[in-house]
Amino acid sequence: EIAPVVPKNKKQYDISVVPGTDVTGESTC
């Protein structure tokens, strides 16, 4: 019963911004 408490930070995320789709840091106009 204790086991589910521990792995809160064990998730492996697979998320990223697709290159060229976010203007953040790229605005020049």
PDB file of all heavy atoms in Angstrom:
ATOM      1  N   GLU A   1       0.824  -1.209   0.000  1.00  0.00           N
ATOM      2  CA  GLU A   1       0.000   0.000   0.000  1.00  0.00           C
ATOM      3  C   GLU A   1       0.855   1.255   0.000  1.00  0.00           C
ATOM      4  O   GLU A   1       0.448   2.295  -0.497  1.00  0.00           O
ATOM      5  CB  GLU A   1      -0.918  -0.010   1.226  1.00  0.00           C
ATOM      6  CG  GLU A   1      -1.999  -1.080   1.156  1.00  0.00           C
ATOM      7  CD  GLU A   1      -2.759  -1.211   2.460  1.00  0.00           C
ATOM      8  OE1 GLU A   1      -2.141  -1.067   3.527  1.00  0.00           O
ATOM      9  OE2 GLU A   1      -3.970  -1.464   2.400  1.00  0.00           O
ATOM     10  N   ILE A   2       2.072   1.153   0.526  1.00  0.00           N
ATOM     11  CA  ILE A   2       2.946   2.330   0.548  1.00  0.00           C
ATOM     12  C   ILE A   2       3.492   2.650  -0.843  1.00  0.00           C
ATOM     13  O   ILE A   2       3.688   3.798  -1.199  1.00  0.00           O
ATOM     14  CB  ILE A   2       4.133   2.099   1.522  1.00  0.00           C
ATOM     15  CG1 ILE A   2       3.618   2.027   2.957  1.00  0.00           C
ATOM     16  CG2 ILE A   2       5.183   3.191   1.395  1.00  0.00           C
ATOM     17  CD1 ILE A   2       4.682   1.652   3.979  1.00  0.00           C
ATOM     18  N   ALA A   3       3.667   1.641  -1.668  1.00  0.00           N
ATOM     19  CA  ALA A   3       4.358   1.801  -2.953  1.00  0.00           C
ATOM     20  C   ALA A   3       3.862   2.956  -3.807  1.00  0.00           C
ATOM     21  O   ALA A   3       4.674   3.703  -4.340  1.00  0.00           O
ATOM     22  CB  ALA A   3       4.287   0.494  -3.732  1.00  0.00           C
ATOM     23  N   PRO A   4       2.533   3.161  -3.964  1.00  0.00           N
ATOM     24  CA  PRO A   4       2.093   4.240  -4.841  1.00  0.00           C
ATOM     25  C   PRO A   4       2.502   5.628  -4.378  1.00  0.00           C
ATOM     26  O   PRO A   4       2.501   6.569  -5.158  1.00  0.00           O
ATOM     27  CB  PRO A   4       0.567   4.095  -4.828  1.00  0.00           C
ATOM     28  CG  PRO A   4       0.305   2.700  -4.412  1.00  0.00           C
ATOM     29  CD  PRO A   4       1.401   2.376  -3.465  1.00  0.00           C
ATOM     30  N   VAL A   5       2.869   5.804  -3.106  1.00  0.00           N
ATOM     31  CA  VAL A   5       3.212   7.130  -2.608  1.00  0.00           C
ATOM     32  C   VAL A   5       4.546   7.604  -3.176  1.00  0.00           C
ATOM     33  O   VAL A   5       4.736   8.768  -3.464  1.00  0.00           O
ATOM     34  CB  VAL A   5       3.276   7.104  -1.058  1.00  0.00           C
ATOM     35  CG1 VAL A   5       3.725   8.455  -0.513  1.00  0.00           C
ATOM     36  CG2 VAL A   5       1.927   6.692  -0.487  1.00  0.00           C
ATOM     37  N   VAL A   6       5.484   6.693  -3.368  1.00  0.00           N
ATOM     38  CA  VAL A   6       6.856   7.057  -3.684  1.00  0.00           C
ATOM     39  C   VAL A   6       7.084   7.522  -5.126  1.00  0.00           C
ATOM     40  O   VAL A   6       7.793   8.480  -5.345  1.00  0.00           O
ATOM     41  CB  VAL A   6       7.805   5.887  -3.348  1.00  0.00           C
ATOM     42  CG1 VAL A   6       9.238   6.259  -3.656  1.00  0.00           C
ATOM     43  CG2 VAL A   6       7.633   5.512  -1.887  1.00  0.00           C
ATOM     44  N   PRO A   7       6.462   6.894  -6.149  1.00  0.00           N
ATOM     45  CA  PRO A   7       6.921   7.164  -7.517  1.00  0.00           C
ATOM     46  C   PRO A   7       6.402   8.441  -8.151  1.00  0.00           C
ATOM     47  O   PRO A   7       6.358   8.551  -9.349  1.00  0.00           O
ATOM     48  CB  PRO A   7       6.378   5.955  -8.281  1.00  0.00           C
ATOM     49  CG  PRO A   7       5.132   5.595  -7.584  1.00  0.00           C
ATOM     50  CD  PRO A   7       5.397   5.885  -6.146  1.00  0.00           C
ATOM     51  N   LYS A   8       6.026   9.441  -7.341  1.00  0.00           N
ATOM     52  CA  LYS A   8       5.482  10.665  -7.912  1.00  0.00           C
ATOM     53  C   LYS A   8       6.435  11.322  -8.904  1.00  0.00           C
ATOM     54  O   LYS A   8       6.000  11.984  -9.829  1.00  0.00           O
ATOM     55  CB  LYS A   8       5.154  11.650  -6.788  1.00  0.00           C
ATOM     56  CG  LYS A   8       3.839  11.326  -6.089  1.00  0.00           C
ATOM     57  CD  LYS A   8       2.673  11.560  -7.013  1.00  0.00           C
ATOM     58  CE  LYS A   8       1.370  11.207  -6.349  1.00  0.00           C
ATOM     59  NZ  LYS A   8       0.227  11.448  -7.205  1.00  0.00           N
ATOM     60  N   ASN A   9       7.721  11.194  -8.697  1.00  0.00           N
ATOM     61  CA  ASN A   9       8.672  11.834  -9.599  1.00  0.00           C
ATOM     62  C   ASN A   9       9.314  10.844 -10.561  1.00  0.00           C
ATOM     63  O   ASN A   9      10.337  11.119 -11.158  1.00  0.00           O
ATOM     64  CB  ASN A   9       9.759  12.547  -8.781  1.00  0.00           C
ATOM     65  CG  ASN A   9       9.180  13.660  -7.933  1.00  0.00           C
ATOM     66  OD1 ASN A   9       8.332  14.408  -8.402  1.00  0.00           O
ATOM     67  ND2 ASN A   9       9.622  13.761  -6.684  1.00  0.00           N
ATOM     68  N   LYS A  10       8.711   9.675 -10.719  1.00  0.00           N
ATOM     69  CA  LYS A  10       9.281   8.634 -11.550  1.00  0.00           C
ATOM     70  C   LYS A  10       8.777   8.676 -12.987  1.00  0.00           C
ATOM     71  O   LYS A  10       9.237   7.940 -13.830  1.00  0.00           O
ATOM     72  CB  LYS A  10       8.973   7.257 -10.950  1.00  0.00           C
ATOM     73  CG  LYS A  10       9.531   7.039  -9.548  1.00  0.00           C
ATOM     74  CD  LYS A  10      11.036   6.970  -9.555  1.00  0.00           C
ATOM     75  CE  LYS A  10      11.559   6.609  -8.173  1.00  0.00           C
ATOM     76  NZ  LYS A  10      13.016   6.567  -8.125  1.00  0.00           N
ATOM     77  N   LYS A  11       7.780   9.517 -13.261  1.00  0.00           N
ATOM     78  CA  LYS A  11       7.234   9.589 -14.613  1.00  0.00           C
ATOM     79  C   LYS A  11       8.305  10.036 -15.602  1.00  0.00           C
ATOM     80  O   LYS A  11       9.072  10.958 -15.335  1.00  0.00           O
ATOM     81  CB  LYS A  11       6.055  10.553 -14.656  1.00  0.00           C
ATOM     82  CG  LYS A  11       4.783  10.021 -14.007  1.00  0.00           C
ATOM     83  CD  LYS A  11       4.051   9.083 -14.933  1.00  0.00           C
ATOM     84  CE  LYS A  11       2.720   8.673 -14.340  1.00  0.00           C
ATOM     85  NZ  LYS A  11       1.961   7.787 -15.215  1.00  0.00           N
ATOM     86  N   GLN A  12       8.351   9.380 -16.745  1.00  0.00           N
ATOM     87  CA  GLN A  12       9.267   9.772 -17.810  1.00  0.00           C
ATOM     88  C   GLN A  12       8.462  10.529 -18.863  1.00  0.00           C
ATOM     89  O   GLN A  12       7.575   9.971 -19.499  1.00  0.00           O
ATOM     90  CB  GLN A  12       9.933   8.534 -18.419  1.00  0.00           C
ATOM     91  CG  GLN A  12      10.802   7.760 -17.454  1.00  0.00           C
ATOM     92  CD  GLN A  12      11.971   8.582 -16.945  1.00  0.00           C
ATOM     93  OE1 GLN A  12      12.645   9.257 -17.718  1.00  0.00           O
ATOM     94  NE2 GLN A  12      12.202   8.530 -15.643  1.00  0.00           N
ATOM     95  N   TYR A  13       8.761  11.812 -19.024  1.00  0.00           N
ATOM     96  CA  TYR A  13       7.994  12.635 -19.943  1.00  0.00           C
ATOM     97  C   TYR A  13       8.631  12.630 -21.321  1.00  0.00           C
ATOM     98  O   TYR A  13       9.847  12.589 -21.470  1.00  0.00           O
ATOM     99  CB  TYR A  13       7.883  14.064 -19.413  1.00  0.00           C
ATOM    100  CG  TYR A  13       7.206  14.139 -18.075  1.00  0.00           C
ATOM    101  CD1 TYR A  13       7.953  14.345 -16.912  1.00  0.00           C
ATOM    102  CD2 TYR A  13       5.841  13.977 -17.954  1.00  0.00           C
ATOM    103  CE1 TYR A  13       7.343  14.392 -15.674  1.00  0.00           C
ATOM    104  CE2 TYR A  13       5.219  14.023 -16.718  1.00  0.00           C
ATOM    105  CZ  TYR A  13       5.980  14.228 -15.583  1.00  0.00           C
ATOM    106  OH  TYR A  13       5.371  14.257 -14.367  1.00  0.00           O
ATOM    107  N   ASP A  14       7.783  12.677 -22.322  1.00  0.00           N
ATOM    108  CA  ASP A  14       8.238  12.743 -23.710  1.00  0.00           C
ATOM    109  C   ASP A  14       7.499  13.901 -24.357  1.00  0.00           C
ATOM    110  O   ASP A  14       6.469  13.723 -24.994  1.00  0.00           O
ATOM    111  CB  ASP A  14       7.942  11.422 -24.425  1.00  0.00           C
ATOM    112  CG  ASP A  14       8.415  11.428 -25.871  1.00  0.00           C
ATOM    113  OD1 ASP A  14       9.108  12.388 -26.267  1.00  0.00           O
ATOM    114  OD2 ASP A  14       8.063  10.488 -26.609  1.00  0.00           O
ATOM    115  N   ILE A  15       8.021  15.108 -24.137  1.00  0.00           N
ATOM    116  CA  ILE A  15       7.353  16.312 -24.625  1.00  0.00           C
ATOM    117  C   ILE A  15       8.397  17.311 -25.088  1.00  0.00           C
ATOM    118  O   ILE A  15       9.426  17.494 -24.442  1.00  0.00           O
ATOM    119  CB  ILE A  15       6.451  16.939 -23.536  1.00  0.00           C
ATOM    120  CG1 ILE A  15       5.784  18.230 -24.051  1.00  0.00           C
ATOM    121  CG2 ILE A  15       7.218  17.195 -22.248  1.00  0.00           C
ATOM    122  CD1 ILE A  15       4.740  18.791 -23.106  1.00  0.00           C
ATOM    123  N   SER A  16       8.146  17.934 -26.238  1.00  0.00           N
ATOM    124  CA  SER A  16       9.059  18.939 -26.764  1.00  0.00           C
ATOM    125  C   SER A  16       8.304  19.861 -27.710  1.00  0.00           C
ATOM    126  O   SER A  16       7.246  19.508 -28.242  1.00  0.00           O
ATOM    127  CB  SER A  16      10.230  18.281 -27.513  1.00  0.00           C
ATOM    128  OG  SER A  16       9.756  17.524 -28.612  1.00  0.00           O
ATOM    129  N   VAL A  17       8.842  21.047 -27.907  1.00  0.00           N
ATOM    130  CA  VAL A  17       8.293  21.999 -28.873  1.00  0.00           C
ATOM    131  C   VAL A  17       8.817  21.630 -30.252  1.00  0.00           C
ATOM    132  O   VAL A  17      10.020  21.399 -30.435  1.00  0.00           O
ATOM    133  CB  VAL A  17       8.697  23.439 -28.517  1.00  0.00           C
ATOM    134  CG1 VAL A  17       8.299  24.410 -29.637  1.00  0.00           C
ATOM    135  CG2 VAL A  17       8.060  23.861 -27.191  1.00  0.00           C
ATOM    136  N   VAL A  18       7.926  21.533 -31.224  1.00  0.00           N
ATOM    137  CA  VAL A  18       8.350  21.260 -32.600  1.00  0.00           C
ATOM    138  C   VAL A  18       9.173  22.448 -33.092  1.00  0.00           C
ATOM    139  O   VAL A  18       8.715  23.594 -33.019  1.00  0.00           O
ATOM    140  CB  VAL A  18       7.129  21.024 -33.509  1.00  0.00           C
ATOM    141  CG1 VAL A  18       7.577  20.855 -34.967  1.00  0.00           C
ATOM    142  CG2 VAL A  18       6.336  19.807 -33.041  1.00  0.00           C
ATOM    143  N   PRO A  19      10.397  22.219 -33.554  1.00  0.00           N
ATOM    144  CA  PRO A  19      11.254  23.330 -33.991  1.00  0.00           C
ATOM    145  C   PRO A  19      10.560  24.218 -35.021  1.00  0.00           C
ATOM    146  O   PRO A  19       9.882  23.732 -35.933  1.00  0.00           O
ATOM    147  CB  PRO A  19      12.471  22.611 -34.593  1.00  0.00           C
ATOM    148  CG  PRO A  19      12.511  21.287 -33.902  1.00  0.00           C
ATOM    149  CD  PRO A  19      11.069  20.908 -33.676  1.00  0.00           C
ATOM    150  N   GLY A  20      10.742  25.532 -34.856  1.00  0.00           N
ATOM    151  CA  GLY A  20      10.207  26.486 -35.815  1.00  0.00           C
ATOM    152  C   GLY A  20       8.747  26.847 -35.626  1.00  0.00           C
ATOM    153  O   GLY A  20       8.187  27.568 -36.456  1.00  0.00           O
ATOM    154  N   THR A  21       8.120  26.376 -34.536  1.00  0.00           N
ATOM    155  CA  THR A  21       6.700  26.674 -34.330  1.00  0.00           C
ATOM    156  C   THR A  21       6.447  27.647 -33.183  1.00  0.00           C
ATOM    157  O   THR A  21       5.305  28.029 -32.948  1.00  0.00           O
ATOM    158  CB  THR A  21       5.894  25.385 -34.057  1.00  0.00           C
ATOM    159  OG1 THR A  21       6.285  24.815 -32.791  1.00  0.00           O
ATOM    160  CG2 THR A  21       6.119  24.370 -35.167  1.00  0.00           C
ATOM    161  N   ASP A  22       7.474  28.055 -32.456  1.00  0.00           N
ATOM    162  CA  ASP A  22       7.321  28.959 -31.315  1.00  0.00           C
ATOM    163  C   ASP A  22       8.185  30.193 -31.556  1.00  0.00           C
ATOM    164  O   ASP A  22       9.393  30.092 -31.749  1.00  0.00           O
ATOM    165  CB  ASP A  22       7.743  28.245 -30.025  1.00  0.00           C
ATOM    166  CG  ASP A  22       7.396  29.032 -28.765  1.00  0.00           C
ATOM    167  OD1 ASP A  22       7.170  30.255 -28.863  1.00  0.00           O
ATOM    168  OD2 ASP A  22       7.344  28.425 -27.680  1.00  0.00           O
ATOM    169  N   VAL A  23       7.565  31.366 -31.514  1.00  0.00           N
ATOM    170  CA  VAL A  23       8.282  32.607 -31.790  1.00  0.00           C
ATOM    171  C   VAL A  23       9.122  33.065 -30.610  1.00  0.00           C
ATOM    172  O   VAL A  23       9.950  33.978 -30.750  1.00  0.00           O
ATOM    173  CB  VAL A  23       7.287  33.722 -32.193  1.00  0.00           C
ATOM    174  CG1 VAL A  23       6.528  34.232 -30.973  1.00  0.00           C
ATOM    175  CG2 VAL A  23       7.984  34.872 -32.911  1.00  0.00           C
ATOM    176  N   THR A  24       8.968  32.444 -29.458  1.00  0.00           N
ATOM    177  CA  THR A  24       9.700  32.857 -28.250  1.00  0.00           C
ATOM    178  C   THR A  24      11.212  32.906 -28.507  1.00  0.00           C
ATOM    179  O   THR A  24      11.803  31.925 -28.932  1.00  0.00           O
ATOM    180  CB  THR A  24       9.413  31.905 -27.083  1.00  0.00           C
ATOM    181  OG1 THR A  24       7.995  31.834 -26.862  1.00  0.00           O
ATOM    182  CG2 THR A  24      10.089  32.391 -25.811  1.00  0.00           C
ATOM    183  N   GLY A  25      11.789  34.078 -28.271  1.00  0.00           N
ATOM    184  CA  GLY A  25      13.216  34.253 -28.483  1.00  0.00           C
ATOM    185  C   GLY A  25      13.625  34.451 -29.930  1.00  0.00           C
ATOM    186  O   GLY A  25      14.816  34.617 -30.218  1.00  0.00           O
ATOM    187  N   GLU A  26      12.650  34.445 -30.841  1.00  0.00           N
ATOM    188  CA  GLU A  26      12.959  34.547 -32.272  1.00  0.00           C
ATOM    189  C   GLU A  26      12.365  35.795 -32.922  1.00  0.00           C
ATOM    190  O   GLU A  26      12.498  35.988 -34.120  1.00  0.00           O
ATOM    191  CB  GLU A  26      12.422  33.309 -33.009  1.00  0.00           C
ATOM    192  CG  GLU A  26      12.985  31.984 -32.528  1.00  0.00           C
ATOM    193  CD  GLU A  26      14.467  31.851 -32.819  1.00  0.00           C
ATOM    194  OE1 GLU A  26      14.945  32.467 -33.803  1.00  0.00           O
ATOM    195  OE2 GLU A  26      15.158  31.155 -32.054  1.00  0.00           O
ATOM    196  N   SER A  27      11.681  36.631 -32.157  1.00  0.00           N
ATOM    197  CA  SER A  27      11.009  37.801 -32.732  1.00  0.00           C
ATOM    198  C   SER A  27      12.028  38.860 -33.141  1.00  0.00           C
ATOM    199  O   SER A  27      12.870  39.273 -32.343  1.00  0.00           O
ATOM    200  CB  SER A  27      10.030  38.397 -31.716  1.00  0.00           C
ATOM    201  OG  SER A  27       9.377  39.521 -32.247  1.00  0.00           O
ATOM    202  N   THR A  28      11.956  39.271 -34.400  1.00  0.00           N
ATOM    203  CA  THR A  28      12.900  40.261 -34.933  1.00  0.00           C
ATOM    204  C   THR A  28      12.208  41.420 -35.633  1.00  0.00           C
ATOM    205  O   THR A  28      12.873  42.346 -36.068  1.00  0.00           O
ATOM    206  CB  THR A  28      13.857  39.592 -35.937  1.00  0.00           C
ATOM    207  OG1 THR A  28      13.081  39.036 -37.019  1.00  0.00           O
ATOM    208  CG2 THR A  28      14.660  38.488 -35.286  1.00  0.00           C
ATOM    209  N   CYS A  29      10.875  41.393 -35.762  1.00  0.00           N
ATOM    210  CA  CYS A  29      10.204  42.389 -36.586  1.00  0.00           C
ATOM    211  C   CYS A  29      10.192  43.770 -35.928  1.00  0.00           C
ATOM    212  O   CYS A  29      10.180  43.889 -34.698  1.00  0.00           O
ATOM    213  CB  CYS A  29       8.767  41.960 -36.885  1.00  0.00           C
ATOM    214  SG  CYS A  29       7.687  41.936 -35.450  1.00  0.00           S
TER     215      CYS A  29
END
